[in-house]
């Protein structure tokens, strides 16, 4: 287990400081020829977790995605065909792996009075995660869900998940993070879980990243993309104008949040207009209104939605990513995806945790060896004195 810990840490360290501060033009996602740890990708979507883990040297040995359109996009970009419905896959047929990744759906649990552990979640998709974890006991679990997961069912859903993972012998960490703080101009709050198996690291010293990086939507926009739908209506109203401010040294201060400047119709969901010096609203797989899934933005005196390529950048996907040819499907898939930058920053903290465990183990081993040598010297000295 200690050797595996060292191997995982060495590969996680591959990503340099320069790579951690990448822009969308040069995201480093090299295919790894020599890998030292593996992962599985559940509820895989179009492969956000895959890109993040691959950039740290991991190999994906299994993926599952039930949506046929997303599955085709995943296979095209990652050269791996996901299996379909995970509820129909026997956990014994899934390869052994070091890390389990999953952006699982938010569902309520019907808790029985007898508290049967993960059996209480039967009928939900988290049950399938739990049964796979119970069988394979991966060293690390890396999960993502919507922000409201923490408050879902008055907090009972979160409590149940944490309790079950702890029963399965994991130390659980979770926190709500916003994509806006990680260099991507999208307001997207999600809850992330990082869980260490107690046989892998007994007392992990893990903390989630807090980078607070600045960006603005205009950084990722194209000039007149053909698939960025322009909205032309006579019920558009503007009621706000923003001018970027500067600090005392002349540096531009970026607000790092969406800036609403107008509306279409009554300004309901999908009918609000935003300034490109701020951030995009949360990309959504669904939602109504004329600006559904991406929101509306004033760009060069025109009101338009974001193109699929612009949505890809908002989620941290590389420029060579091949998205669905259907604009509707592409928008839906990016709305369902995870933000790759956030995952990479979390992986950096996982690396630090493993490194810290290694140093602690080395110090303990050296101290134990020193005490043994000292005890032996004392014993020999006592024999000589008695001699």
Protein backbone atom coordinates (compact mmCIF):
# COMPACT_ATOMS: atom_id res chain seq x y z
CA UNK A 1 0.00 0.00 0.00
CA UNK A 2 2.91 2.38 0.81
CA UNK A 3 4.53 1.69 -2.57
CA UNK A 4 1.24 2.49 -4.33
CA UNK A 5 1.00 5.71 -2.32
CA UNK A 6 4.46 6.73 -3.55
CA UNK A 7 3.60 5.89 -7.18
CA UNK A 8 0.35 7.85 -7.14
CA UNK A 9 2.06 10.84 -5.57
CA UNK A 10 4.88 10.82 -8.13
CA UNK A 11 2.42 10.85 -11.01
CA UNK A 12 0.23 13.51 -9.46
CA UNK A 13 3.34 15.69 -9.20
CA UNK A 14 3.79 15.58 -13.00
CA UNK A 15 1.71 18.71 -13.40
CA UNK A 16 3.97 21.75 -12.96
CA UNK A 17 3.06 25.15 -11.57
CA UNK A 18 2.94 26.49 -15.11
CA UNK A 19 0.42 23.82 -16.06
CA UNK A 20 -1.73 24.60 -13.02
CA UNK A 21 -2.17 28.19 -14.27
CA UNK A 22 -3.05 27.23 -17.85
CA UNK A 23 -5.37 29.09 -20.18
CA UNK A 24 -7.90 27.44 -22.44
CA UNK A 25 -5.52 27.65 -25.39
CA UNK A 26 -2.87 25.32 -23.95
CA UNK A 27 -4.44 22.91 -21.47
CA UNK A 28 -2.03 19.98 -21.01
CA UNK A 29 -3.91 16.72 -21.59
CA UNK A 30 -1.19 14.40 -22.93
CA UNK A 31 -2.05 10.73 -23.36
CA UNK A 32 -0.02 8.77 -20.83
CA UNK A 33 2.04 5.89 -22.22
CA UNK A 34 3.31 4.79 -18.81
CA UNK A 35 0.81 5.02 -15.97
CA UNK A 36 1.18 3.98 -12.37
CA UNK A 37 -2.40 4.32 -11.16
CA UNK A 38 -5.84 3.71 -12.59
CA UNK A 39 -9.37 5.07 -12.26
CA UNK A 40 -12.94 4.35 -13.28
CA UNK A 41 -15.31 7.00 -14.58
CA UNK A 42 -18.94 6.54 -13.48
CA UNK A 43 -21.78 8.73 -14.84
CA UNK A 44 -18.98 9.82 -17.14
CA UNK A 45 -20.82 12.30 -19.37
CA UNK A 46 -18.39 13.59 -21.98
CA UNK A 47 -15.26 13.00 -19.91
CA UNK A 48 -14.47 15.93 -17.62
CA UNK A 49 -13.08 13.61 -14.92
CA UNK A 50 -11.20 11.70 -17.62
CA UNK A 51 -9.34 14.80 -18.79
CA UNK A 52 -8.45 15.85 -15.23
CA UNK A 53 -7.14 12.43 -14.15
CA UNK A 54 -5.35 11.88 -17.46
CA UNK A 55 -3.48 15.16 -17.03
CA UNK A 56 -2.02 13.71 -13.80
CA UNK A 57 -0.87 10.47 -15.38
CA UNK A 58 -3.81 8.15 -14.69
CA UNK A 59 -5.29 5.52 -16.98
CA UNK A 60 -9.04 5.02 -17.24
CA UNK A 61 -9.86 1.30 -17.13
CA UNK A 62 -13.66 1.55 -17.15
CA UNK A 63 -16.32 4.15 -17.95
CA UNK A 64 -20.10 4.13 -17.70
CA UNK A 65 -22.61 6.55 -19.27
CA UNK A 66 -26.26 5.81 -20.00
CA UNK A 67 -26.90 8.73 -22.40
CA UNK A 68 -26.15 7.47 -25.91
CA UNK A 69 -25.26 10.92 -27.30
CA UNK A 70 -22.81 11.71 -24.49
CA UNK A 71 -21.36 8.20 -24.75
CA UNK A 72 -20.53 8.68 -28.42
CA UNK A 73 -18.77 11.99 -27.68
CA UNK A 74 -16.82 10.33 -24.85
CA UNK A 75 -15.68 7.49 -27.09
CA UNK A 76 -14.65 9.86 -29.89
CA UNK A 77 -12.47 11.98 -27.59
CA UNK A 78 -11.06 9.35 -25.22
CA UNK A 79 -10.89 6.25 -27.42
CA UNK A 80 -12.84 4.32 -24.79
CA UNK A 81 -16.43 3.18 -25.20
CA UNK A 82 -18.45 3.57 -22.00
CA UNK A 83 -20.78 0.78 -20.98
CA UNK A 84 -24.42 1.75 -20.57
CA UNK A 85 -26.68 1.49 -17.52
CA UNK A 86 -24.47 1.06 -14.45
CA UNK A 87 -27.36 -0.50 -12.52
CA UNK A 88 -27.12 -3.52 -14.84
CA UNK A 89 -23.34 -3.98 -14.49
CA UNK A 90 -22.07 -6.51 -11.95
CA UNK A 91 -19.38 -4.94 -9.75
CA UNK A 92 -17.27 -8.07 -10.25
CA UNK A 93 -17.07 -7.26 -13.97
CA UNK A 94 -15.49 -3.86 -13.30
CA UNK A 95 -11.65 -3.85 -13.32
CA UNK A 96 -9.70 -3.18 -10.14
CA UNK A 97 -8.78 0.50 -9.80
CA UNK A 98 -7.06 3.01 -7.52
CA UNK A 99 -9.51 5.93 -7.83
CA UNK A 100 -13.27 5.94 -8.35
CA UNK A 101 -14.68 9.09 -9.98
CA UNK A 102 -18.37 9.90 -10.23
CA UNK A 103 -20.55 12.93 -10.85
CA UNK A 104 -23.63 11.16 -9.54
CA UNK A 105 -27.24 12.45 -9.60
CA UNK A 106 -28.91 13.92 -6.53
CA UNK A 107 -31.63 11.58 -5.24
CA UNK A 108 -33.48 11.21 -1.94
CA UNK A 109 -33.06 8.07 0.13
CA UNK A 110 -35.82 6.12 1.84
CA UNK A 111 -34.11 5.30 5.11
CA UNK A 112 -35.32 2.17 6.85
CA UNK A 113 -35.79 2.11 10.59
CA UNK A 114 -33.14 -0.56 11.02
CA UNK A 115 -30.34 1.46 9.33
CA UNK A 116 -28.97 -1.24 7.03
CA UNK A 117 -25.98 0.76 5.84
CA UNK A 118 -25.59 1.19 2.09
CA UNK A 119 -28.56 -1.15 1.54
CA UNK A 120 -30.68 1.83 2.65
CA UNK A 121 -29.79 3.54 -0.63
CA UNK A 122 -31.07 0.72 -2.83
CA UNK A 123 -33.08 2.16 -5.70
CA UNK A 124 -30.81 5.20 -6.07
CA UNK A 125 -27.73 5.56 -8.23
CA UNK A 126 -25.55 6.16 -5.17
CA UNK A 127 -26.29 2.53 -4.25
CA UNK A 128 -24.38 1.50 -7.37
CA UNK A 129 -21.39 3.57 -6.28
CA UNK A 130 -21.56 2.03 -2.81
CA UNK A 131 -21.72 -1.57 -4.04
CA UNK A 132 -18.75 -1.00 -6.35
CA UNK A 133 -16.80 0.65 -3.54
CA UNK A 134 -17.63 -2.19 -1.13
CA UNK A 135 -16.36 -4.79 -3.60
CA UNK A 136 -13.23 -3.04 -4.93
CA UNK A 137 -12.23 -0.83 -1.98
CA UNK A 138 -10.43 1.80 -4.14
CA UNK A 139 -7.84 3.93 -2.39
CA UNK A 140 -9.52 7.25 -3.23
CA UNK A 141 -13.08 8.30 -4.08
CA UNK A 142 -13.56 11.54 -6.03
CA UNK A 143 -17.22 12.59 -6.31
CA UNK A 144 -19.18 15.64 -7.49
CA UNK A 145 -22.78 16.76 -7.14
CA UNK A 146 -24.94 19.88 -7.30
CA UNK A 147 -24.64 22.51 -4.56
CA UNK A 148 -28.11 21.78 -3.20
CA UNK A 149 -27.03 18.22 -2.42
CA UNK A 150 -25.82 19.54 0.95
CA UNK A 151 -29.35 20.75 1.83
CA UNK A 152 -31.32 18.08 -0.02
CA UNK A 153 -34.01 16.43 2.10
CA UNK A 154 -33.09 18.73 5.02
CA UNK A 155 -29.50 17.49 4.97
CA UNK A 156 -30.51 13.83 5.33
CA UNK A 157 -29.15 12.88 1.89
CA UNK A 158 -25.66 14.24 2.65
CA UNK A 159 -25.67 12.67 6.12
CA UNK A 160 -26.60 9.28 4.68
CA UNK A 161 -23.87 9.40 2.02
CA UNK A 162 -21.17 10.39 4.53
CA UNK A 163 -22.26 7.72 7.02
CA UNK A 164 -22.23 4.99 4.39
CA UNK A 165 -18.80 5.98 3.07
CA UNK A 166 -17.44 5.99 6.61
CA UNK A 167 -18.94 2.52 7.18
CA UNK A 168 -17.12 1.42 4.04
CA UNK A 169 -13.87 2.46 5.78
CA UNK A 170 -13.25 5.90 4.27
CA UNK A 171 -12.30 9.27 5.72
CA UNK A 172 -14.64 11.73 4.02
CA UNK A 173 -14.00 15.37 3.09
CA UNK A 174 -16.54 17.53 1.25
CA UNK A 175 -16.95 21.19 0.35
CA UNK A 176 -18.93 23.45 -2.00
CA UNK A 177 -16.60 25.17 -4.49
CA UNK A 178 -17.32 27.74 -7.21
CA UNK A 179 -15.81 27.39 -10.68
CA UNK A 180 -15.51 31.20 -10.73
CA UNK A 181 -12.60 30.98 -8.26
CA UNK A 182 -10.58 28.60 -10.43
CA UNK A 183 -9.83 30.71 -13.49
CA UNK A 184 -12.96 29.82 -15.48
CA UNK A 185 -15.49 32.66 -15.96
CA UNK A 186 -18.58 30.67 -14.98
CA UNK A 187 -20.58 30.92 -11.76
CA UNK A 188 -20.95 27.22 -10.97
CA UNK A 189 -21.21 26.01 -7.38
CA UNK A 190 -20.84 22.28 -6.83
CA UNK A 191 -20.15 20.04 -3.86
CA UNK A 192 -17.04 17.85 -4.12
CA UNK A 193 -16.14 14.77 -2.10
CA UNK A 194 -12.63 13.43 -1.59
CA UNK A 195 -12.46 10.20 0.41
CA UNK A 196 -9.33 8.28 1.46
CA UNK A 197 -9.47 4.60 2.35
CA UNK A 198 -8.25 4.21 5.93
CA UNK A 199 -5.90 1.39 4.93
CA UNK A 200 -4.31 3.74 2.40
CA UNK A 201 -3.96 6.81 4.62
CA UNK A 202 -5.02 6.46 8.25
CA UNK A 203 -5.18 10.16 9.15
CA UNK A 204 -5.20 12.24 5.94
CA UNK A 205 -4.33 15.94 6.32
CA UNK A 206 -6.41 17.11 3.38
CA UNK A 207 -7.78 20.58 2.63
CA UNK A 208 -9.71 21.75 -0.41
CA UNK A 209 -8.04 24.42 -2.60
CA UNK A 210 -8.94 28.12 -2.32
CA UNK A 211 -7.18 29.76 -5.31
CA UNK A 212 -9.42 32.82 -5.94
CA UNK A 213 -8.25 33.31 -9.54
CA UNK A 214 -9.74 36.14 -11.63
CA UNK A 215 -11.18 35.96 -15.14
CA UNK A 216 -13.87 37.46 -17.34
CA UNK A 217 -16.22 36.04 -19.94
CA UNK A 218 -14.76 38.12 -22.78
CA UNK A 219 -11.52 36.09 -22.44
CA UNK A 220 -13.12 32.99 -23.94
CA UNK A 221 -15.44 34.47 -26.58
CA UNK A 222 -15.10 34.04 -30.34
CA UNK A 223 -15.89 36.70 -32.92
CA UNK A 224 -19.28 35.97 -34.48
CA UNK A 225 -19.40 32.17 -34.05
CA UNK A 226 -21.89 30.62 -36.46
CA UNK A 227 -23.46 28.53 -33.70
CA UNK A 228 -23.80 31.40 -31.20
CA UNK A 229 -27.49 32.15 -31.64
CA UNK A 230 -28.29 35.88 -31.97
CA UNK A 231 -31.50 37.10 -30.35
CA UNK A 232 -33.40 39.84 -32.19
CA UNK A 233 -36.55 40.99 -30.39
CA UNK A 234 -38.40 44.20 -29.67
CA UNK A 235 -38.89 43.53 -25.94
CA UNK A 236 -35.23 43.92 -24.88
CA UNK A 237 -34.56 46.31 -22.01
CA UNK A 238 -31.22 47.47 -20.57
CA UNK A 239 -31.18 49.01 -17.09
CA UNK A 240 -27.56 48.73 -15.96
CA UNK A 241 -24.09 49.58 -17.29
CA UNK A 242 -20.81 48.47 -15.76
CA UNK A 243 -17.40 50.09 -16.07
CA UNK A 244 -14.46 48.08 -14.81
CA UNK A 245 -12.58 49.80 -11.99
CA UNK A 246 -8.85 49.96 -11.33
CA UNK A 247 -6.92 49.68 -8.09
CA UNK A 248 -4.38 52.25 -6.86
CA UNK A 249 -1.68 50.65 -9.03
CA UNK A 250 -3.73 50.83 -12.22
CA UNK A 251 -4.64 47.14 -12.30
CA UNK A 252 -8.12 46.27 -13.53
CA UNK A 253 -10.39 44.87 -10.83
CA UNK A 254 -12.48 41.99 -12.16
CA UNK A 255 -15.79 41.37 -10.39
CA UNK A 256 -15.52 37.56 -10.86
CA UNK A 257 -19.29 37.13 -10.91
CA UNK A 258 -22.19 37.49 -13.40
CA UNK A 259 -23.24 41.11 -14.06
CA UNK A 260 -26.88 41.40 -15.06
CA UNK A 261 -27.49 44.42 -17.27
CA UNK A 262 -30.85 43.81 -18.93
CA UNK A 263 -33.69 41.49 -19.76
CA UNK A 264 -35.87 40.07 -22.49
CA UNK A 265 -39.60 39.81 -21.96
CA UNK A 266 -40.24 39.77 -18.18
CA UNK A 267 -36.69 38.79 -17.19
CA UNK A 268 -37.52 35.28 -16.06
CA UNK A 269 -35.24 32.24 -16.26
CA UNK A 270 -33.31 32.34 -19.53
CA UNK A 271 -34.43 35.92 -20.18
CA UNK A 272 -31.70 37.87 -18.37
CA UNK A 273 -28.84 39.61 -20.18
CA UNK A 274 -25.31 39.77 -18.77
CA UNK A 275 -22.14 41.82 -19.30
CA UNK A 276 -19.11 40.03 -20.75
CA UNK A 277 -16.76 41.73 -18.25
CA UNK A 278 -18.33 39.51 -15.61
CA UNK A 279 -18.88 35.78 -15.56
CA UNK A 280 -21.31 33.49 -17.33
CA UNK A 281 -24.20 32.08 -15.36
CA UNK A 282 -24.21 28.35 -14.58
CA UNK A 283 -24.37 26.28 -17.75
CA UNK A 284 -27.44 24.09 -17.51
CA UNK A 285 -28.56 20.91 -19.21
CA UNK A 286 -32.15 22.10 -19.12
CA UNK A 287 -34.00 25.32 -18.33
CA UNK A 288 -36.33 27.42 -20.44
CA UNK A 289 -36.44 30.89 -21.90
CA UNK A 290 -34.86 32.30 -25.02
CA UNK A 291 -31.40 32.02 -23.43
CA UNK A 292 -31.86 28.49 -22.12
CA UNK A 293 -28.80 26.44 -21.12
CA UNK A 294 -26.20 29.23 -21.62
CA UNK A 295 -27.81 32.55 -20.71
CA UNK A 296 -27.86 35.74 -22.81
CA UNK A 297 -24.96 38.18 -23.22
CA UNK A 298 -24.44 41.57 -24.83
CA UNK A 299 -21.52 41.06 -27.21
CA UNK A 300 -20.60 43.84 -29.65
CA UNK A 301 -24.04 45.43 -29.40
CA UNK A 302 -25.76 42.14 -30.12
CA UNK A 303 -27.61 39.81 -27.76
CA UNK A 304 -26.68 36.18 -28.17
CA UNK A 305 -26.29 32.80 -26.54
CA UNK A 306 -22.92 31.11 -26.14
CA UNK A 307 -21.65 28.70 -28.76
CA UNK A 308 -20.75 25.09 -27.87
CA UNK A 309 -17.03 25.89 -28.18
CA UNK A 310 -17.39 28.79 -25.76
CA UNK A 311 -19.26 26.49 -23.37
CA UNK A 312 -16.42 23.96 -23.67
CA UNK A 313 -13.96 26.62 -22.57
CA UNK A 314 -16.15 27.57 -19.62
CA UNK A 315 -15.80 23.99 -18.39
CA UNK A 316 -12.06 23.77 -19.05
CA UNK A 317 -12.14 21.46 -22.08
CA UNK A 318 -9.22 21.63 -24.55
CA UNK A 319 -9.51 23.30 -27.93
CA UNK A 320 -9.26 19.99 -29.78
CA UNK A 321 -12.27 18.56 -27.96
CA UNK A 322 -14.84 17.30 -30.49
CA UNK A 323 -18.30 18.12 -29.21
CA UNK A 324 -21.65 16.82 -30.44
CA UNK A 325 -22.72 18.03 -33.89
CA UNK A 326 -26.14 18.85 -32.46
CA UNK A 327 -26.03 22.27 -30.78
CA UNK A 328 -28.87 21.23 -28.47
CA UNK A 329 -27.03 18.08 -27.37
CA UNK A 330 -23.71 19.93 -27.01
CA UNK A 331 -25.27 22.57 -24.75
CA UNK A 332 -26.93 19.86 -22.67
CA UNK A 333 -23.70 17.89 -22.31
CA UNK A 334 -21.61 20.87 -21.21
CA UNK A 335 -24.38 21.78 -18.79
CA UNK A 336 -24.08 18.30 -17.26
CA UNK A 337 -20.28 18.28 -17.21
CA UNK A 338 -17.78 18.98 -14.45
CA UNK A 339 -15.33 21.90 -14.46
CA UNK A 340 -11.94 20.42 -15.27
CA UNK A 341 -9.89 23.21 -13.68
CA UNK A 342 -11.56 22.63 -10.31
CA UNK A 343 -10.81 18.90 -10.49
CA UNK A 344 -7.16 19.55 -11.28
CA UNK A 345 -6.73 21.89 -8.34
CA UNK A 346 -8.31 19.30 -6.04
CA UNK A 347 -5.99 16.62 -7.44
CA UNK A 348 -3.04 18.85 -6.55
CA UNK A 349 -4.25 18.88 -2.93
CA UNK A 350 -4.68 15.10 -3.00
CA UNK A 351 -1.05 14.91 -4.10
CA UNK A 352 0.01 17.05 -1.14
CA UNK A 353 -1.90 14.78 1.22
CA UNK A 354 -0.17 11.68 -0.12
CA UNK A 355 3.22 13.43 0.07
CA UNK A 356 2.57 14.38 3.69
CA UNK A 357 1.66 10.77 4.53
CA UNK A 358 4.91 9.57 2.94
CA UNK A 359 7.01 12.04 4.95
CA UNK A 360 5.24 11.04 8.15
CA UNK A 361 5.82 7.35 7.41
CA UNK A 362 9.50 7.97 6.70
CA UNK A 363 9.95 9.98 9.91
CA UNK A 364 8.20 7.27 11.93
CA UNK A 365 10.26 4.52 10.29
CA UNK A 366 13.53 6.40 10.89
CA UNK A 367 12.59 7.17 14.50
CA UNK A 368 11.65 3.57 15.15
CA UNK A 369 14.94 2.40 13.62
CA UNK A 370 16.88 4.92 15.72
CA UNK A 371 15.16 3.73 18.92
CA UNK A 372 15.90 0.11 18.06
CA UNK A 373 19.58 0.92 17.45
CA UNK A 374 19.77 2.92 20.68
CA UNK A 375 18.15 0.08 22.63
CA UNK A 376 20.62 -2.40 21.15
CA UNK A 377 23.59 -0.14 22.04
CA UNK A 378 22.29 0.20 25.58
CA UNK A 379 21.94 -3.57 25.86
CA UNK A 380 25.49 -4.14 24.62
CA UNK A 381 26.86 -1.49 26.97
CA UNK A 382 25.07 -3.13 29.89
CA UNK A 383 26.58 -6.52 28.94
CA UNK A 384 30.06 -5.00 28.86
CA UNK A 385 29.52 -3.35 32.26
CA UNK A 386 28.40 -6.64 33.73
CA UNK A 387 31.13 -8.50 31.95
